[in-house]
Amino acid sequence: MKAQAKLQSIDQKITALKQRKEQVARQYLSSLARLIQRCGLQAIDPEILTGALLDVKLNLPTKQEEWRRAGKKFLAPSSKPATPKPGQTKSQNSAPTESSNPTSSQTHDSGKN
């Protein structure tokens, strides 16, 4: 009888762990969706986001620390940095000046990455 109760207890723990795993997965996906929205990327095609994530995976070993610093700065509670437009560098994110934007007719080529 004790063995049966022990097995039932283990099964209950396994069920609870599976439920917790599913809950954590849902929370993770929800966090990613909020991050995409916060970054202003919700209008970008899923194929482009997928390609960008594949590029992140490919370049992670060489860019990891740079990206970590940028992400930490972006997510800091007191900071509300302006979201750069696609193809825009950090220095271009500020208000245009005569030296940083010599011609107002220039456009960003988001196809070059």
PDB file of N, CA and C in Angstrom:
ATOM      1  N   MET A   1       0.814  -1.193   0.000  1.00  0.00           N
ATOM      2  CA  MET A   1       0.000   0.000   0.000  1.00  0.00           C
ATOM      3  C   MET A   1       0.862   1.262   0.000  1.00  0.00           C
ATOM      4  N   LYS A   2       1.958   1.243   0.753  1.00  0.00           N
ATOM      5  CA  LYS A   2       2.824   2.423   0.810  1.00  0.00           C
ATOM      6  C   LYS A   2       3.450   2.720  -0.548  1.00  0.00           C
ATOM      7  N   ALA A   3       3.774   1.683  -1.285  1.00  0.00           N
ATOM      8  CA  ALA A   3       4.377   1.872  -2.603  1.00  0.00           C
ATOM      9  C   ALA A   3       3.394   2.559  -3.540  1.00  0.00           C
ATOM     10  N   GLN A   4       2.134   2.166  -3.455  1.00  0.00           N
ATOM     11  CA  GLN A   4       1.095   2.773  -4.293  1.00  0.00           C
ATOM     12  C   GLN A   4       0.946   4.265  -3.966  1.00  0.00           C
ATOM     13  N   ALA A   5       0.934   4.613  -2.694  1.00  0.00           N
ATOM     14  CA  ALA A   5       0.808   6.012  -2.271  1.00  0.00           C
ATOM     15  C   ALA A   5       2.024   6.814  -2.718  1.00  0.00           C
ATOM     16  N   LYS A   6       3.191   6.177  -2.650  1.00  0.00           N
ATOM     17  CA  LYS A   6       4.423   6.851  -3.071  1.00  0.00           C
ATOM     18  C   LYS A   6       4.388   7.119  -4.583  1.00  0.00           C
ATOM     19  N   LEU A   7       3.938   6.141  -5.357  1.00  0.00           N
ATOM     20  CA  LEU A   7       3.827   6.323  -6.807  1.00  0.00           C
ATOM     21  C   LEU A   7       2.826   7.418  -7.147  1.00  0.00           C
ATOM     22  N   GLN A   8       1.727   7.453  -6.436  1.00  0.00           N
ATOM     23  CA  GLN A   8       0.716   8.481  -6.667  1.00  0.00           C
ATOM     24  C   GLN A   8       1.274   9.866  -6.335  1.00  0.00           C
ATOM     25  N   SER A   9       2.039   9.949  -5.266  1.00  0.00           N
ATOM     26  CA  SER A   9       2.662  11.214  -4.887  1.00  0.00           C
ATOM     27  C   SER A   9       3.656  11.681  -5.951  1.00  0.00           C
ATOM     28  N   ILE A  10       4.437  10.747  -6.472  1.00  0.00           N
ATOM     29  CA  ILE A  10       5.412  11.074  -7.523  1.00  0.00           C
ATOM     30  C   ILE A  10       4.679  11.527  -8.782  1.00  0.00           C
ATOM     31  N   ASP A  11       3.606  10.827  -9.146  1.00  0.00           N
ATOM     32  CA  ASP A  11       2.817  11.221 -10.317  1.00  0.00           C
ATOM     33  C   ASP A  11       2.246  12.633 -10.157  1.00  0.00           C
ATOM     34  N   GLN A  12       1.777  12.953  -8.965  1.00  0.00           N
ATOM     35  CA  GLN A  12       1.242  14.297  -8.705  1.00  0.00           C
ATOM     36  C   GLN A  12       2.336  15.354  -8.857  1.00  0.00           C
ATOM     37  N   LYS A  13       3.534  15.034  -8.363  1.00  0.00           N
ATOM     38  CA  LYS A  13       4.655  15.968  -8.488  1.00  0.00           C
ATOM     39  C   LYS A  13       5.044  16.162  -9.948  1.00  0.00           C
ATOM     40  N   ILE A  14       5.038  15.067 -10.708  1.00  0.00           N
ATOM     41  CA  ILE A  14       5.363  15.156 -12.135  1.00  0.00           C
ATOM     42  C   ILE A  14       4.335  16.016 -12.860  1.00  0.00           C
ATOM     43  N   THR A  15       3.062  15.813 -12.561  1.00  0.00           N
ATOM     44  CA  THR A  15       1.996  16.604 -13.167  1.00  0.00           C
ATOM     45  C   THR A  15       2.160  18.081 -12.823  1.00  0.00           C
ATOM     46  N   ALA A  16       2.459  18.372 -11.562  1.00  0.00           N
ATOM     47  CA  ALA A  16       2.652  19.759 -11.136  1.00  0.00           C
ATOM     48  C   ALA A  16       3.849  20.383 -11.847  1.00  0.00           C
ATOM     49  N   LEU A  17       4.924  19.621 -12.002  1.00  0.00           N
ATOM     50  CA  LEU A  17       6.111  20.135 -12.695  1.00  0.00           C
ATOM     51  C   LEU A  17       5.821  20.393 -14.178  1.00  0.00           C
ATOM     52  N   LYS A  18       5.055  19.512 -14.805  1.00  0.00           N
ATOM     53  CA  LYS A  18       4.691  19.722 -16.213  1.00  0.00           C
ATOM     54  C   LYS A  18       3.845  20.983 -16.367  1.00  0.00           C
ATOM     55  N   GLN A  19       2.915  21.174 -15.443  1.00  0.00           N
ATOM     56  CA  GLN A  19       2.077  22.381 -15.487  1.00  0.00           C
ATOM     57  C   GLN A  19       2.923  23.626 -15.288  1.00  0.00           C
ATOM     58  N   ARG A  20       3.863  23.564 -14.368  1.00  0.00           N
ATOM     59  CA  ARG A  20       4.752  24.706 -14.114  1.00  0.00           C
ATOM     60  C   ARG A  20       5.614  25.006 -15.345  1.00  0.00           C
ATOM     61  N   LYS A  21       6.092  23.957 -15.988  1.00  0.00           N
ATOM     62  CA  LYS A  21       6.902  24.127 -17.201  1.00  0.00           C
ATOM     63  C   LYS A  21       6.094  24.829 -18.285  1.00  0.00           C
ATOM     64  N   GLU A  22       4.841  24.432 -18.469  1.00  0.00           N
ATOM     65  CA  GLU A  22       3.973  25.072 -19.451  1.00  0.00           C
ATOM     66  C   GLU A  22       3.711  26.531 -19.090  1.00  0.00           C
ATOM     67  N   GLN A  23       3.526  26.798 -17.801  1.00  0.00           N
ATOM     68  CA  GLN A  23       3.293  28.168 -17.348  1.00  0.00           C
ATOM     69  C   GLN A  23       4.516  29.044 -17.625  1.00  0.00           C
ATOM     70  N   VAL A  24       5.697  28.525 -17.339  1.00  0.00           N
ATOM     71  CA  VAL A  24       6.936  29.277 -17.588  1.00  0.00           C
ATOM     72  C   VAL A  24       7.099  29.535 -19.089  1.00  0.00           C
ATOM     73  N   ALA A  25       6.787  28.552 -19.921  1.00  0.00           N
ATOM     74  CA  ALA A  25       6.886  28.729 -21.372  1.00  0.00           C
ATOM     75  C   ALA A  25       5.925  29.818 -21.848  1.00  0.00           C
ATOM     76  N   ARG A  26       4.691  29.823 -21.316  1.00  0.00           N
ATOM     77  CA  ARG A  26       3.720  30.868 -21.699  1.00  0.00           C
ATOM     78  C   ARG A  26       4.211  32.246 -21.253  1.00  0.00           C
ATOM     79  N   GLN A  27       4.774  32.332 -20.049  1.00  0.00           N
ATOM     80  CA  GLN A  27       5.288  33.613 -19.550  1.00  0.00           C
ATOM     81  C   GLN A  27       6.450  34.104 -20.407  1.00  0.00           C
ATOM     82  N   TYR A  28       7.307  33.184 -20.835  1.00  0.00           N
ATOM     83  CA  TYR A  28       8.450  33.540 -21.677  1.00  0.00           C
ATOM     84  C   TYR A  28       7.963  34.100 -23.013  1.00  0.00           C
ATOM     85  N   LEU A  29       7.004  33.415 -23.631  1.00  0.00           N
ATOM     86  CA  LEU A  29       6.462  33.894 -24.904  1.00  0.00           C
ATOM     87  C   LEU A  29       5.769  35.242 -24.745  1.00  0.00           C
ATOM     88  N   SER A  30       5.079  35.420 -23.642  1.00  0.00           N
ATOM     89  CA  SER A  30       4.425  36.697 -23.365  1.00  0.00           C
ATOM     90  C   SER A  30       5.465  37.806 -23.200  1.00  0.00           C
ATOM     91  N   SER A  31       6.555  37.495 -22.523  1.00  0.00           N
ATOM     92  CA  SER A  31       7.646  38.470 -22.348  1.00  0.00           C
ATOM     93  C   SER A  31       8.256  38.850 -23.691  1.00  0.00           C
ATOM     94  N   LEU A  32       8.454  37.861 -24.557  1.00  0.00           N
ATOM     95  CA  LEU A  32       8.993  38.155 -25.889  1.00  0.00           C
ATOM     96  C   LEU A  32       8.040  39.036 -26.685  1.00  0.00           C
ATOM     97  N   ALA A  33       6.748  38.748 -26.593  1.00  0.00           N
ATOM     98  CA  ALA A  33       5.765  39.567 -27.311  1.00  0.00           C
ATOM     99  C   ALA A  33       5.785  41.005 -26.791  1.00  0.00           C
ATOM    100  N   ARG A  34       5.881  41.186 -25.476  1.00  0.00           N
ATOM    101  CA  ARG A  34       5.943  42.547 -24.917  1.00  0.00           C
ATOM    102  C   ARG A  34       7.219  43.256 -25.344  1.00  0.00           C
ATOM    103  N   LEU A  35       8.324  42.526 -25.410  1.00  0.00           N
ATOM    104  CA  LEU A  35       9.589  43.116 -25.844  1.00  0.00           C
ATOM    105  C   LEU A  35       9.513  43.551 -27.305  1.00  0.00           C
ATOM    106  N   ILE A  36       8.932  42.727 -28.137  1.00  0.00           N
ATOM    107  CA  ILE A  36       8.758  43.086 -29.555  1.00  0.00           C
ATOM    108  C   ILE A  36       7.927  44.355 -29.667  1.00  0.00           C
ATOM    109  N   GLN A  37       6.872  44.432 -28.874  1.00  0.00           N
ATOM    110  CA  GLN A  37       6.018  45.621 -28.896  1.00  0.00           C
ATOM    111  C   GLN A  37       6.773  46.837 -28.364  1.00  0.00           C
ATOM    112  N   ARG A  38       7.487  46.679 -27.258  1.00  0.00           N
ATOM    113  CA  ARG A  38       8.221  47.798 -26.655  1.00  0.00           C
ATOM    114  C   ARG A  38       9.286  48.343 -27.607  1.00  0.00           C
ATOM    115  N   CYS A  39       9.875  47.441 -28.386  1.00  0.00           N
ATOM    116  CA  CYS A  39      10.897  47.864 -29.350  1.00  0.00           C
ATOM    117  C   CYS A  39      10.284  48.431 -30.630  1.00  0.00           C
ATOM    118  N   GLY A  40       8.973  48.380 -30.745  1.00  0.00           N
ATOM    119  CA  GLY A  40       8.313  48.905 -31.928  1.00  0.00           C
ATOM    120  C   GLY A  40       8.443  47.993 -33.138  1.00  0.00           C
ATOM    121  N   LEU A  41       8.570  46.699 -32.912  1.00  0.00           N
ATOM    122  CA  LEU A  41       8.793  45.763 -34.006  1.00  0.00           C
ATOM    123  C   LEU A  41       7.557  44.963 -34.397  1.00  0.00           C
ATOM    124  N   GLN A  42       6.398  45.259 -33.814  1.00  0.00           N
ATOM    125  CA  GLN A  42       5.211  44.458 -34.072  1.00  0.00           C
ATOM    126  C   GLN A  42       4.740  44.538 -35.518  1.00  0.00           C
ATOM    127  N   ALA A  43       5.103  45.566 -36.249  1.00  0.00           N
ATOM    128  CA  ALA A  43       4.667  45.709 -37.638  1.00  0.00           C
ATOM    129  C   ALA A  43       5.612  45.016 -38.629  1.00  0.00           C
ATOM    130  N   ILE A  44       6.709  44.501 -38.147  1.00  0.00           N
ATOM    131  CA  ILE A  44       7.677  43.842 -39.027  1.00  0.00           C
ATOM    132  C   ILE A  44       7.200  42.424 -39.347  1.00  0.00           C
ATOM    133  N   ASP A  45       7.384  42.023 -40.592  1.00  0.00           N
ATOM    134  CA  ASP A  45       6.992  40.683 -41.028  1.00  0.00           C
ATOM    135  C   ASP A  45       7.681  39.613 -40.178  1.00  0.00           C
ATOM    136  N   PRO A  46       6.964  38.547 -39.857  1.00  0.00           N
ATOM    137  CA  PRO A  46       7.567  37.449 -39.079  1.00  0.00           C
ATOM    138  C   PRO A  46       8.816  36.862 -39.742  1.00  0.00           C
ATOM    139  N   GLU A  47       8.849  36.849 -41.075  1.00  0.00           N
ATOM    140  CA  GLU A  47      10.030  36.320 -41.768  1.00  0.00           C
ATOM    141  C   GLU A  47      11.255  37.179 -41.492  1.00  0.00           C
ATOM    142  N   ILE A  48      11.063  38.483 -41.419  1.00  0.00           N
ATOM    143  CA  ILE A  48      12.189  39.386 -41.146  1.00  0.00           C
ATOM    144  C   ILE A  48      12.664  39.192 -39.715  1.00  0.00           C
ATOM    145  N   LEU A  49      11.736  39.112 -38.764  1.00  0.00           N
ATOM    146  CA  LEU A  49      12.126  38.870 -37.373  1.00  0.00           C
ATOM    147  C   LEU A  49      12.853  37.535 -37.234  1.00  0.00           C
ATOM    148  N   THR A  50      12.370  36.529 -37.930  1.00  0.00           N
ATOM    149  CA  THR A  50      13.016  35.215 -37.887  1.00  0.00           C
ATOM    150  C   THR A  50      14.433  35.307 -38.440  1.00  0.00           C
ATOM    151  N   GLY A  51      14.582  35.978 -39.565  1.00  0.00           N
ATOM    152  CA  GLY A  51      15.919  36.155 -40.134  1.00  0.00           C
ATOM    153  C   GLY A  51      16.842  36.913 -39.200  1.00  0.00           C
ATOM    154  N   ALA A  52      16.304  37.933 -38.544  1.00  0.00           N
ATOM    155  CA  ALA A  52      17.121  38.704 -37.598  1.00  0.00           C
ATOM    156  C   ALA A  52      17.539  37.828 -36.418  1.00  0.00           C
ATOM    157  N   LEU A  53      16.629  37.008 -35.923  1.00  0.00           N
ATOM    158  CA  LEU A  53      16.967  36.114 -34.807  1.00  0.00           C
ATOM    159  C   LEU A  53      17.992  35.068 -35.228  1.00  0.00           C
ATOM    160  N   LEU A  54      17.891  34.591 -36.460  1.00  0.00           N
ATOM    161  CA  LEU A  54      18.908  33.655 -36.960  1.00  0.00           C
ATOM    162  C   LEU A  54      20.266  34.340 -37.061  1.00  0.00           C
ATOM    163  N   ASP A  55      20.262  35.620 -37.434  1.00  0.00           N
ATOM    164  CA  ASP A  55      21.498  36.390 -37.481  1.00  0.00           C
ATOM    165  C   ASP A  55      22.076  36.565 -36.076  1.00  0.00           C
ATOM    166  N   VAL A  56      21.209  36.779 -35.111  1.00  0.00           N
ATOM    167  CA  VAL A  56      21.657  36.879 -33.715  1.00  0.00           C
ATOM    168  C   VAL A  56      22.323  35.577 -33.301  1.00  0.00           C
ATOM    169  N   LYS A  57      21.677  34.468 -33.614  1.00  0.00           N
ATOM    170  CA  LYS A  57      22.234  33.155 -33.258  1.00  0.00           C
ATOM    171  C   LYS A  57      23.617  32.961 -33.884  1.00  0.00           C
ATOM    172  N   LEU A  58      23.733  33.355 -35.146  1.00  0.00           N
ATOM    173  CA  LEU A  58      24.998  33.201 -35.863  1.00  0.00           C
ATOM    174  C   LEU A  58      26.100  34.079 -35.276  1.00  0.00           C
ATOM    175  N   ASN A  59      25.753  35.312 -34.890  1.00  0.00           N
ATOM    176  CA  ASN A  59      26.741  36.281 -34.430  1.00  0.00           C
ATOM    177  C   ASN A  59      26.877  36.360 -32.909  1.00  0.00           C
ATOM    178  N   LEU A  60      26.154  35.541 -32.187  1.00  0.00           N
ATOM    179  CA  LEU A  60      26.164  35.607 -30.724  1.00  0.00           C
ATOM    180  C   LEU A  60      27.565  35.516 -30.117  1.00  0.00           C
ATOM    181  N   PRO A  61      28.413  34.608 -30.572  1.00  0.00           N
ATOM    182  CA  PRO A  61      29.730  34.516 -29.933  1.00  0.00           C
ATOM    183  C   PRO A  61      30.556  35.805 -30.007  1.00  0.00           C
ATOM    184  N   THR A  62      30.440  36.543 -31.092  1.00  0.00           N
ATOM    185  CA  THR A  62      31.268  37.738 -31.239  1.00  0.00           C
ATOM    186  C   THR A  62      30.591  39.021 -30.770  1.00  0.00           C
ATOM    187  N   LYS A  63      29.269  39.037 -30.697  1.00  0.00           N
ATOM    188  CA  LYS A  63      28.547  40.261 -30.360  1.00  0.00           C
ATOM    189  C   LYS A  63      27.840  40.205 -29.003  1.00  0.00           C
ATOM    190  N   GLN A  64      27.937  39.080 -28.315  1.00  0.00           N
ATOM    191  CA  GLN A  64      27.159  38.850 -27.103  1.00  0.00           C
ATOM    192  C   GLN A  64      27.291  39.964 -26.071  1.00  0.00           C
ATOM    193  N   GLU A  65      28.484  40.356 -25.733  1.00  0.00           N
ATOM    194  CA  GLU A  65      28.669  41.370 -24.685  1.00  0.00           C
ATOM    195  C   GLU A  65      28.173  42.745 -25.130  1.00  0.00           C
ATOM    196  N   GLU A  66      28.401  43.089 -26.378  1.00  0.00           N
ATOM    197  CA  GLU A  66      27.898  44.363 -26.918  1.00  0.00           C
ATOM    198  C   GLU A  66      26.373  44.402 -26.842  1.00  0.00           C
ATOM    199  N   TRP A  67      25.734  43.323 -27.264  1.00  0.00           N
ATOM    200  CA  TRP A  67      24.277  43.248 -27.235  1.00  0.00           C
ATOM    201  C   TRP A  67      23.748  43.224 -25.803  1.00  0.00           C
ATOM    202  N   ARG A  68      24.470  42.555 -24.902  1.00  0.00           N
ATOM    203  CA  ARG A  68      24.048  42.503 -23.502  1.00  0.00           C
ATOM    204  C   ARG A  68      24.034  43.909 -22.895  1.00  0.00           C
ATOM    205  N   ARG A  69      25.085  44.691 -23.166  1.00  0.00           N
ATOM    206  CA  ARG A  69      25.144  46.066 -22.645  1.00  0.00           C
ATOM    207  C   ARG A  69      24.008  46.916 -23.209  1.00  0.00           C
ATOM    208  N   ALA A  70      23.779  46.797 -24.509  1.00  0.00           N
ATOM    209  CA  ALA A  70      22.703  47.578 -25.142  1.00  0.00           C
ATOM    210  C   ALA A  70      21.341  47.168 -24.580  1.00  0.00           C
ATOM    211  N   GLY A  71      21.126  45.876 -24.407  1.00  0.00           N
ATOM    212  CA  GLY A  71      19.864  45.388 -23.858  1.00  0.00           C
ATOM    213  C   GLY A  71      19.660  45.810 -22.421  1.00  0.00           C
ATOM    214  N   LYS A  72      20.724  45.749 -21.645  1.00  0.00           N
ATOM    215  CA  LYS A  72      20.648  46.167 -20.240  1.00  0.00           C
ATOM    216  C   LYS A  72      20.287  47.639 -20.141  1.00  0.00           C
ATOM    217  N   LYS A  73      20.893  48.446 -21.003  1.00  0.00           N
ATOM    218  CA  LYS A  73      20.601  49.881 -21.017  1.00  0.00           C
ATOM    219  C   LYS A  73      19.154  50.133 -21.438  1.00  0.00           C
ATOM    220  N   PHE A  74      18.686  49.413 -22.449  1.00  0.00           N
ATOM    221  CA  PHE A  74      17.320  49.590 -22.943  1.00  0.00           C
ATOM    222  C   PHE A  74      16.293  49.176 -21.898  1.00  0.00           C
ATOM    223  N   LEU A  75      16.571  48.100 -21.182  1.00  0.00           N
ATOM    224  CA  LEU A  75      15.621  47.568 -20.213  1.00  0.00           C
ATOM    225  C   LEU A  75      15.711  48.209 -18.833  1.00  0.00           C
ATOM    226  N   ALA A  76      16.712  49.062 -18.622  1.00  0.00           N
ATOM    227  CA  ALA A  76      16.853  49.716 -17.319  1.00  0.00           C
ATOM    228  C   ALA A  76      15.578  50.497 -17.000  1.00  0.00           C
ATOM    229  N   PRO A  77      15.054  50.366 -15.776  1.00  0.00           N
ATOM    230  CA  PRO A  77      13.780  51.001 -15.425  1.00  0.00           C
ATOM    231  C   PRO A  77      13.759  52.508 -15.618  1.00  0.00           C
ATOM    232  N   SER A  78      14.856  53.183 -15.365  1.00  0.00           N
ATOM    233  CA  SER A  78      14.858  54.645 -15.454  1.00  0.00           C
ATOM    234  C   SER A  78      15.099  55.158 -16.859  1.00  0.00           C
ATOM    235  N   SER A  79      15.536  54.277 -17.757  1.00  0.00           N
ATOM    236  CA  SER A  79      15.834  54.759 -19.104  1.00  0.00           C
ATOM    237  C   SER A  79      14.678  54.470 -20.037  1.00  0.00           C
ATOM    238  N   LYS A  80      14.391  55.412 -20.886  1.00  0.00           N
ATOM    239  CA  LYS A  80      13.381  55.253 -21.930  1.00  0.00           C
ATOM    240  C   LYS A  80      14.003  55.734 -23.235  1.00  0.00           C
ATOM    241  N   PRO A  81      15.006  54.970 -23.754  1.00  0.00           N
ATOM    242  CA  PRO A  81      15.676  55.424 -24.967  1.00  0.00           C
ATOM    243  C   PRO A  81      14.742  55.392 -26.158  1.00  0.00           C
ATOM    244  N   ALA A  82      14.989  56.305 -27.076  1.00  0.00           N
ATOM    245  CA  ALA A  82      14.211  56.326 -28.312  1.00  0.00           C
ATOM    246  C   ALA A  82      14.558  55.084 -29.098  1.00  0.00           C
ATOM    247  N   THR A  83      13.583  54.459 -29.691  1.00  0.00           N
ATOM    248  CA  THR A  83      13.809  53.264 -30.483  1.00  0.00           C
ATOM    249  C   THR A  83      14.316  53.672 -31.850  1.00  0.00           C
ATOM    250  N   PRO A  84      15.518  53.168 -32.229  1.00  0.00           N
ATOM    251  CA  PRO A  84      16.042  53.535 -33.547  1.00  0.00           C
ATOM    252  C   PRO A  84      15.185  52.935 -34.648  1.00  0.00           C
ATOM    253  N   LYS A  85      15.109  53.638 -35.753  1.00  0.00           N
ATOM    254  CA  LYS A  85      14.381  53.147 -36.919  1.00  0.00           C
ATOM    255  C   LYS A  85      15.234  52.074 -37.585  1.00  0.00           C
ATOM    256  N   PRO A  86      14.618  51.167 -38.356  1.00  0.00           N
ATOM    257  CA  PRO A  86      15.398  50.143 -39.033  1.00  0.00           C
ATOM    258  C   PRO A  86      16.505  50.758 -39.871  1.00  0.00           C
ATOM    259  N   GLY A  87      17.706  50.232 -39.738  1.00  0.00           N
ATOM    260  CA  GLY A  87      18.849  50.719 -40.486  1.00  0.00           C
ATOM    261  C   GLY A  87      19.528  51.918 -39.865  1.00  0.00           C
ATOM    262  N   GLN A  88      19.006  52.411 -38.745  1.00  0.00           N
ATOM    263  CA  GLN A  88      19.550  53.605 -38.111  1.00  0.00           C
ATOM    264  C   GLN A  88      20.541  53.192 -37.025  1.00  0.00           C
ATOM    265  N   THR A  89      21.675  53.868 -36.971  1.00  0.00           N
ATOM    266  CA  THR A  89      22.657  53.580 -35.927  1.00  0.00           C
ATOM    267  C   THR A  89      22.350  54.398 -34.694  1.00  0.00           C
ATOM    268  N   LYS A  90      23.037  54.052 -33.593  1.00  0.00           N
ATOM    269  CA  LYS A  90      22.802  54.751 -32.337  1.00  0.00           C
ATOM    270  C   LYS A  90      23.056  56.248 -32.471  1.00  0.00           C
ATOM    271  N   SER A  91      24.110  56.650 -33.198  1.00  0.00           N
ATOM    272  CA  SER A  91      24.417  58.068 -33.339  1.00  0.00           C
ATOM    273  C   SER A  91      23.385  58.791 -34.205  1.00  0.00           C
ATOM    274  N   GLN A  92      22.710  58.049 -35.083  1.00  0.00           N
ATOM    275  CA  GLN A  92      21.697  58.658 -35.929  1.00  0.00           C
ATOM    276  C   GLN A  92      20.365  58.781 -35.214  1.00  0.00           C
ATOM    277  N   ASN A  93      20.267  58.198 -34.029  1.00  0.00           N
ATOM    278  CA  ASN A  93      19.003  58.172 -33.302  1.00  0.00           C
ATOM    279  C   ASN A  93      18.659  59.514 -32.677  1.00  0.00           C
ATOM    280  N   SER A  94      19.625  60.386 -32.522  1.00  0.00           N
ATOM    281  CA  SER A  94      19.360  61.697 -31.939  1.00  0.00           C
ATOM    282  C   SER A  94      18.809  62.636 -33.009  1.00  0.00           C
ATOM    283  N   ALA A  95      18.425  63.808 -32.576  1.00  0.00           N
ATOM    284  CA  ALA A  95      17.875  64.785 -33.518  1.00  0.00           C
ATOM    285  C   ALA A  95      18.894  65.088 -34.601  1.00  0.00           C
ATOM    286  N   PRO A  96      18.471  65.180 -35.841  1.00  0.00           N
ATOM    287  CA  PRO A  96      19.421  65.421 -36.922  1.00  0.00           C
ATOM    288  C   PRO A  96      20.050  66.810 -36.823  1.00  0.00           C
ATOM    289  N   THR A  97      21.322  66.832 -37.097  1.00  0.00           N
ATOM    290  CA  THR A  97      22.044  68.096 -37.155  1.00  0.00           C
ATOM    291  C   THR A  97      22.622  68.227 -38.548  1.00  0.00           C
ATOM    292  N   GLU A  98      23.165  69.379 -38.825  1.00  0.00           N
ATOM    293  CA  GLU A  98      23.728  69.592 -40.146  1.00  0.00           C
ATOM    294  C   GLU A  98      24.865  68.623 -40.432  1.00  0.00           C
ATOM    295  N   SER A  99      25.690  68.308 -39.397  1.00  0.00           N
ATOM    296  CA  SER A  99      26.826  67.428 -39.630  1.00  0.00           C
ATOM    297  C   SER A  99      26.402  65.965 -39.677  1.00  0.00           C
ATOM    298  N   SER A 100      25.370  65.563 -38.897  1.00  0.00           N
ATOM    299  CA  SER A 100      24.978  64.155 -38.896  1.00  0.00           C
ATOM    300  C   SER A 100      23.993  63.822 -39.998  1.00  0.00           C
ATOM    301  N   ASN A 101      23.366  64.808 -40.585  1.00  0.00           N
ATOM    302  CA  ASN A 101      22.395  64.567 -41.641  1.00  0.00           C
ATOM    303  C   ASN A 101      22.529  65.667 -42.687  1.00  0.00           C
ATOM    304  N   PRO A 102      23.572  65.576 -43.520  1.00  0.00           N
ATOM    305  CA  PRO A 102      23.850  66.658 -44.458  1.00  0.00           C
ATOM    306  C   PRO A 102      22.740  66.908 -45.462  1.00  0.00           C
ATOM    307  N   THR A 103      22.009  65.871 -45.870  1.00  0.00           N
ATOM    308  CA  THR A 103      20.900  66.088 -46.788  1.00  0.00           C
ATOM    309  C   THR A 103      19.662  65.450 -46.208  1.00  0.00           C
ATOM    310  N   SER A 104      18.595  66.199 -46.191  1.00  0.00           N
ATOM    311  CA  SER A 104      17.368  65.681 -45.598  1.00  0.00           C
ATOM    312  C   SER A 104      16.671  64.690 -46.506  1.00  0.00           C
ATOM    313  N   SER A 105      17.128  64.523 -47.726  1.00  0.00           N
ATOM    314  CA  SER A 105      16.465  63.610 -48.657  1.00  0.00           C
ATOM    315  C   SER A 105      17.009  62.193 -48.566  1.00  0.00           C
ATOM    316  N   GLN A 106      18.015  61.954 -47.693  1.00  0.00           N
ATOM    317  CA  GLN A 106      18.554  60.603 -47.556  1.00  0.00           C
ATOM    318  C   GLN A 106      17.531  59.693 -46.891  1.00  0.00           C
ATOM    319  N   THR A 107      17.502  58.455 -47.347  1.00  0.00           N
ATOM    320  CA  THR A 107      16.612  57.472 -46.739  1.00  0.00           C
ATOM    321  C   THR A 107      17.442  56.317 -46.216  1.00  0.00           C
ATOM    322  N   HIS A 108      16.846  55.549 -45.321  1.00  0.00           N
ATOM    323  CA  HIS A 108      17.526  54.385 -44.780  1.00  0.00           C
ATOM    324  C   HIS A 108      17.262  53.190 -45.665  1.00  0.00           C
ATOM    325  N   ASP A 109      18.305  52.448 -45.968  1.00  0.00           N
ATOM    326  CA  ASP A 109      18.162  51.231 -46.752  1.00  0.00           C
ATOM    327  C   ASP A 109      18.169  50.052 -45.789  1.00  0.00           C
ATOM    328  N   SER A 110      16.988  49.606 -45.370  1.00  0.00           N
ATOM    329  CA  SER A 110      16.920  48.538 -44.400  1.00  0.00           C
ATOM    330  C   SER A 110      17.272  47.191 -45.000  1.00  0.00           C
ATOM    331  N   GLY A 111      17.477  47.099 -46.276  1.00  0.00           N
ATOM    332  CA  GLY A 111      17.860  45.854 -46.917  1.00  0.00           C
ATOM    333  C   GLY A 111      19.329  45.531 -46.742  1.00  0.00           C
ATOM    334  N   LYS A 112      20.130  46.474 -46.307  1.00  0.00           N
ATOM    335  CA  LYS A 112      21.568  46.245 -46.120  1.00  0.00           C
ATOM    336  C   LYS A 112      21.835  45.876 -44.682  1.00  0.00           C
ATOM    337  N   ASN A 113      22.108  44.628 -44.424  1.00  0.00           N
ATOM    338  CA  ASN A 113      22.453  44.187 -43.053  1.00  0.00           C
ATOM    339  C   ASN A 113      23.416  43.064 -43.127  1.00  0.00           C
TER     340      ASN A 113
END
